[in-house]
Each structure stands twice: as structure tokens, then as C-alpha cells.
Amino acid sequence: MDSCRQTFGVNKYDLNSLSEFTLYGADIEFQYAFTPCGSLKANQCFGRTIENEMSCTYESLFHRWFTLSFVDTKSPYPPNTNTSFWENPDGPGTGVLMIASNGDPCYGLTRFMRVKFICDKTAELPSNITGSQVDVCVFGLEIRAKQACPLQ
């Protein structure tokens, strides 16, 4: 995704190298699958496949799946928005914040996902995420990865 290449001041980031990973995580209510800057491959969303799906969640209590985000401009639901990016609010050079507001419909809203990519030079092969539902239809994910560090 072109939007996964960002420049904030002197810091340049390219999160596209994370598209080769599918990251998983869980909290008390939900399980998460996320392929940053790319589509989940067949059956990576807990046995189901949705075209152009970048992230999904499975709600354990009700045995339901939801799409949290689609690849830019590929959502079948309006508004079909692109993902937006900011430098991590923890300070310059510490990573990137991704906002995706193009998931499944949710009580008259659209599912919203906020992903905090944290620069961690020791996490060369990220494999998991920390996630939680922070409000109705709003999910937060956190990923530690070397790929979230500024390019040299």
C-alpha cells in the first residue's frame, strides 16, 4: 500500500515490509488477526476469507467474525476511506500510528481500528499483537516491530 510509506519531519517509515506477516492476538472477548499493509490470506481470519480484508476479529462470546479494516479503497461499505497515519505520539522516531475507519458496519457506525506500531529494534520477526475494544466499534492494536523504526 502506498499509504504505508510515510514521512514525518526527518523520519521516513515504510511499513510495507510488515505485509509478509500475519499477526495474531487476543483479549478476554476477542481474537485478532492483522496483516499490516496487505490482505489476510485465505483462512487466516479464523477459517474465513473476505477479499481485501486487512484485519479481523472474532468475538468469542457470540461466535461472530467482523472485519476491522480493509486495504485502502477496497471496503464494500461507505465511507470507503483510506487508512491515515501519524507519527507515534510517544515522540519522533518511536513509530507510527495507523487509523483505519473502513471496517464492517457496526450499530450505524463503521468499525474503527487504531494501530500503534512501536519501534523495537529487537523485534525482527513480529508475530503477535496486543488488542482491545476501547469503545463500541472501536479497537486498538499495538505492535512492536523493527519495521516500525525510521529508515536509516
Protein backbone atom coordinates (compact mmCIF):
# COMPACT_ATOMS: atom_id res chain seq x y z
CA MET A 1 0.00 0.00 0.00
CA ASP A 2 1.43 3.35 -0.97
CA SER A 3 -0.02 4.91 2.17
CA CYS A 4 2.21 2.66 4.31
CA ARG A 5 5.17 4.82 3.26
CA GLN A 6 5.16 7.95 5.39
CA THR A 7 7.49 10.83 6.22
CA PHE A 8 7.16 12.84 9.42
CA GLY A 9 9.78 15.57 9.64
CA VAL A 10 13.17 13.88 9.18
CA ASN A 11 11.78 10.39 9.90
CA LYS A 12 10.81 8.16 6.98
CA TYR A 13 8.86 4.95 7.56
CA ASP A 14 7.91 2.07 5.30
CA LEU A 15 5.54 -0.39 6.96
CA ASN A 16 5.07 -2.39 3.74
CA SER A 17 7.67 -4.93 4.85
CA LEU A 18 5.17 -5.96 7.56
CA SER A 19 2.72 -7.15 4.88
CA GLU A 20 4.52 -10.51 4.81
CA PHE A 21 3.42 -11.18 8.41
CA THR A 22 0.01 -12.10 9.77
CA LEU A 23 -0.07 -11.13 13.42
CA TYR A 24 -2.41 -12.64 15.99
CA GLY A 25 -3.54 -11.60 19.43
CA ALA A 26 -6.41 -11.96 21.89
CA ASP A 27 -8.02 -10.33 24.88
CA ILE A 28 -10.81 -11.54 27.13
CA GLU A 29 -13.54 -11.01 24.49
CA PHE A 30 -11.88 -11.01 21.08
CA GLN A 31 -9.27 -12.72 18.94
CA TYR A 32 -7.47 -10.61 16.33
CA ALA A 33 -5.73 -11.26 13.01
CA PHE A 34 -3.94 -8.48 11.13
CA THR A 35 -1.73 -8.30 8.05
CA PRO A 36 -0.35 -4.74 8.13
CA CYS A 37 -0.44 -3.01 4.74
CA GLY A 38 -1.73 -6.12 3.00
CA SER A 39 -4.65 -8.53 2.79
CA LEU A 40 -5.19 -11.50 5.06
CA LYS A 41 -4.60 -14.69 3.11
CA ALA A 42 -7.23 -17.42 2.76
CA ASN A 43 -8.49 -18.75 6.09
CA GLN A 44 -6.22 -16.51 8.22
CA CYS A 45 -9.26 -14.91 9.82
CA PHE A 46 -10.14 -17.92 11.95
CA GLY A 47 -11.23 -20.04 8.99
CA ARG A 48 -12.97 -17.46 6.83
CA THR A 49 -11.81 -15.45 3.84
CA ILE A 50 -13.00 -11.93 2.90
CA GLU A 51 -11.49 -10.25 -0.16
CA ASN A 52 -9.18 -7.28 0.64
CA GLU A 53 -9.56 -7.74 4.40
CA MET A 54 -6.55 -6.36 6.28
CA SER A 55 -7.71 -7.17 9.83
CA CYS A 56 -10.48 -9.07 11.53
CA THR A 57 -11.73 -10.00 14.94
CA TYR A 58 -13.61 -12.99 16.31
CA GLU A 59 -15.96 -12.31 19.21
CA SER A 60 -15.74 -15.44 21.35
CA LEU A 61 -18.94 -14.99 23.39
CA PHE A 62 -21.26 -14.73 20.38
CA HIS A 63 -19.15 -16.71 17.89
CA ARG A 64 -19.11 -13.84 15.36
CA TRP A 65 -16.46 -12.53 12.97
CA PHE A 66 -16.03 -8.91 11.96
CA THR A 67 -13.76 -7.06 9.57
CA LEU A 68 -11.90 -4.28 11.37
CA SER A 69 -10.31 -2.84 8.24
CA PHE A 70 -9.91 -3.30 4.52
CA VAL A 71 -6.99 -2.39 2.29
CA ASP A 72 -7.25 1.25 1.09
CA THR A 73 -10.33 1.95 -1.07
CA LYS A 74 -11.33 -1.74 -1.05
CA SER A 75 -14.11 -1.64 1.57
CA PRO A 76 -17.53 -2.62 0.21
CA TYR A 77 -19.12 -0.24 2.75
CA PRO A 78 -19.36 3.55 2.64
CA PRO A 79 -17.48 5.61 3.55
CA ASN A 80 -14.72 3.78 1.72
CA THR A 81 -11.85 5.74 3.24
CA ASN A 82 -8.11 5.29 3.06
CA THR A 83 -6.06 4.48 6.10
CA SER A 84 -4.42 7.52 7.70
CA PHE A 85 -1.09 7.76 9.52
CA TRP A 86 0.63 9.92 12.13
CA GLU A 87 3.96 9.66 13.86
CA ASN A 88 3.69 7.83 17.18
CA PRO A 89 2.53 10.31 19.86
CA ASP A 90 5.28 8.98 22.16
CA GLY A 91 7.76 11.11 20.23
CA PRO A 92 9.68 11.41 16.95
CA GLY A 93 11.34 8.21 15.80
CA THR A 94 9.30 5.94 18.09
CA GLY A 95 6.94 4.52 15.47
CA VAL A 96 3.71 5.15 13.60
CA LEU A 97 0.02 5.41 14.44
CA MET A 98 -2.35 3.94 11.82
CA ILE A 99 -6.06 4.79 11.79
CA ALA A 100 -8.43 2.67 9.69
CA SER A 101 -12.09 3.61 9.66
CA ASN A 102 -13.33 1.36 6.87
CA GLY A 103 -14.39 -1.87 8.61
CA ASP A 104 -17.77 -3.60 8.81
CA PRO A 105 -20.91 -1.66 9.73
CA CYS A 106 -21.45 -1.56 13.49
CA TYR A 107 -24.65 -0.19 15.08
CA GLY A 108 -24.98 2.50 12.42
CA LEU A 109 -21.24 3.28 12.54
CA THR A 110 -18.21 1.81 10.82
CA ARG A 111 -15.72 -0.31 12.75
CA PHE A 112 -12.69 1.77 13.60
CA MET A 113 -9.18 0.47 14.28
CA ARG A 114 -6.25 2.34 15.79
CA VAL A 115 -2.90 0.58 15.47
CA LYS A 116 0.19 1.76 17.32
CA PHE A 117 3.35 0.48 15.64
CA ILE A 118 6.17 0.77 18.18
CA CYS A 119 9.79 0.89 17.04
CA ASP A 120 11.51 -2.09 18.69
CA LYS A 121 14.83 -2.99 17.07
CA THR A 122 14.84 -6.37 18.88
CA ALA A 123 11.53 -7.50 17.28
CA GLU A 124 12.78 -8.53 13.82
CA LEU A 125 10.04 -11.10 13.23
CA PRO A 126 6.86 -9.78 14.85
CA SER A 127 4.28 -12.48 15.44
CA ASN A 128 1.70 -11.15 17.85
CA ILE A 129 -0.32 -8.10 18.69
CA THR A 130 -1.93 -6.70 21.79
CA GLY A 131 -5.54 -5.72 21.21
CA SER A 132 -8.64 -4.47 22.96
CA GLN A 133 -12.02 -2.96 22.25
CA VAL A 134 -11.64 0.58 23.59
CA ASP A 135 -15.21 1.68 22.86
CA VAL A 136 -18.23 0.35 20.98
CA CYS A 137 -17.00 -0.49 17.46
CA VAL A 138 -13.52 0.95 18.22
CA PHE A 139 -10.50 -1.33 18.54
CA GLY A 140 -6.92 -0.64 19.49
CA LEU A 141 -3.96 -2.79 18.48
CA GLU A 142 -0.31 -2.49 19.42
CA ILE A 143 2.61 -4.00 17.52
CA ARG A 144 6.29 -3.96 18.42
CA ALA A 145 8.47 -4.34 15.35
CA LYS A 146 11.82 -3.40 13.90
CA GLN A 147 9.94 -2.46 10.73
CA ALA A 148 8.22 0.35 12.68
CA CYS A 149 11.55 2.14 13.16
CA PRO A 150 12.57 5.02 10.89
CA LEU A 151 14.51 4.05 7.79
CA GLN A 152 18.23 4.70 8.05
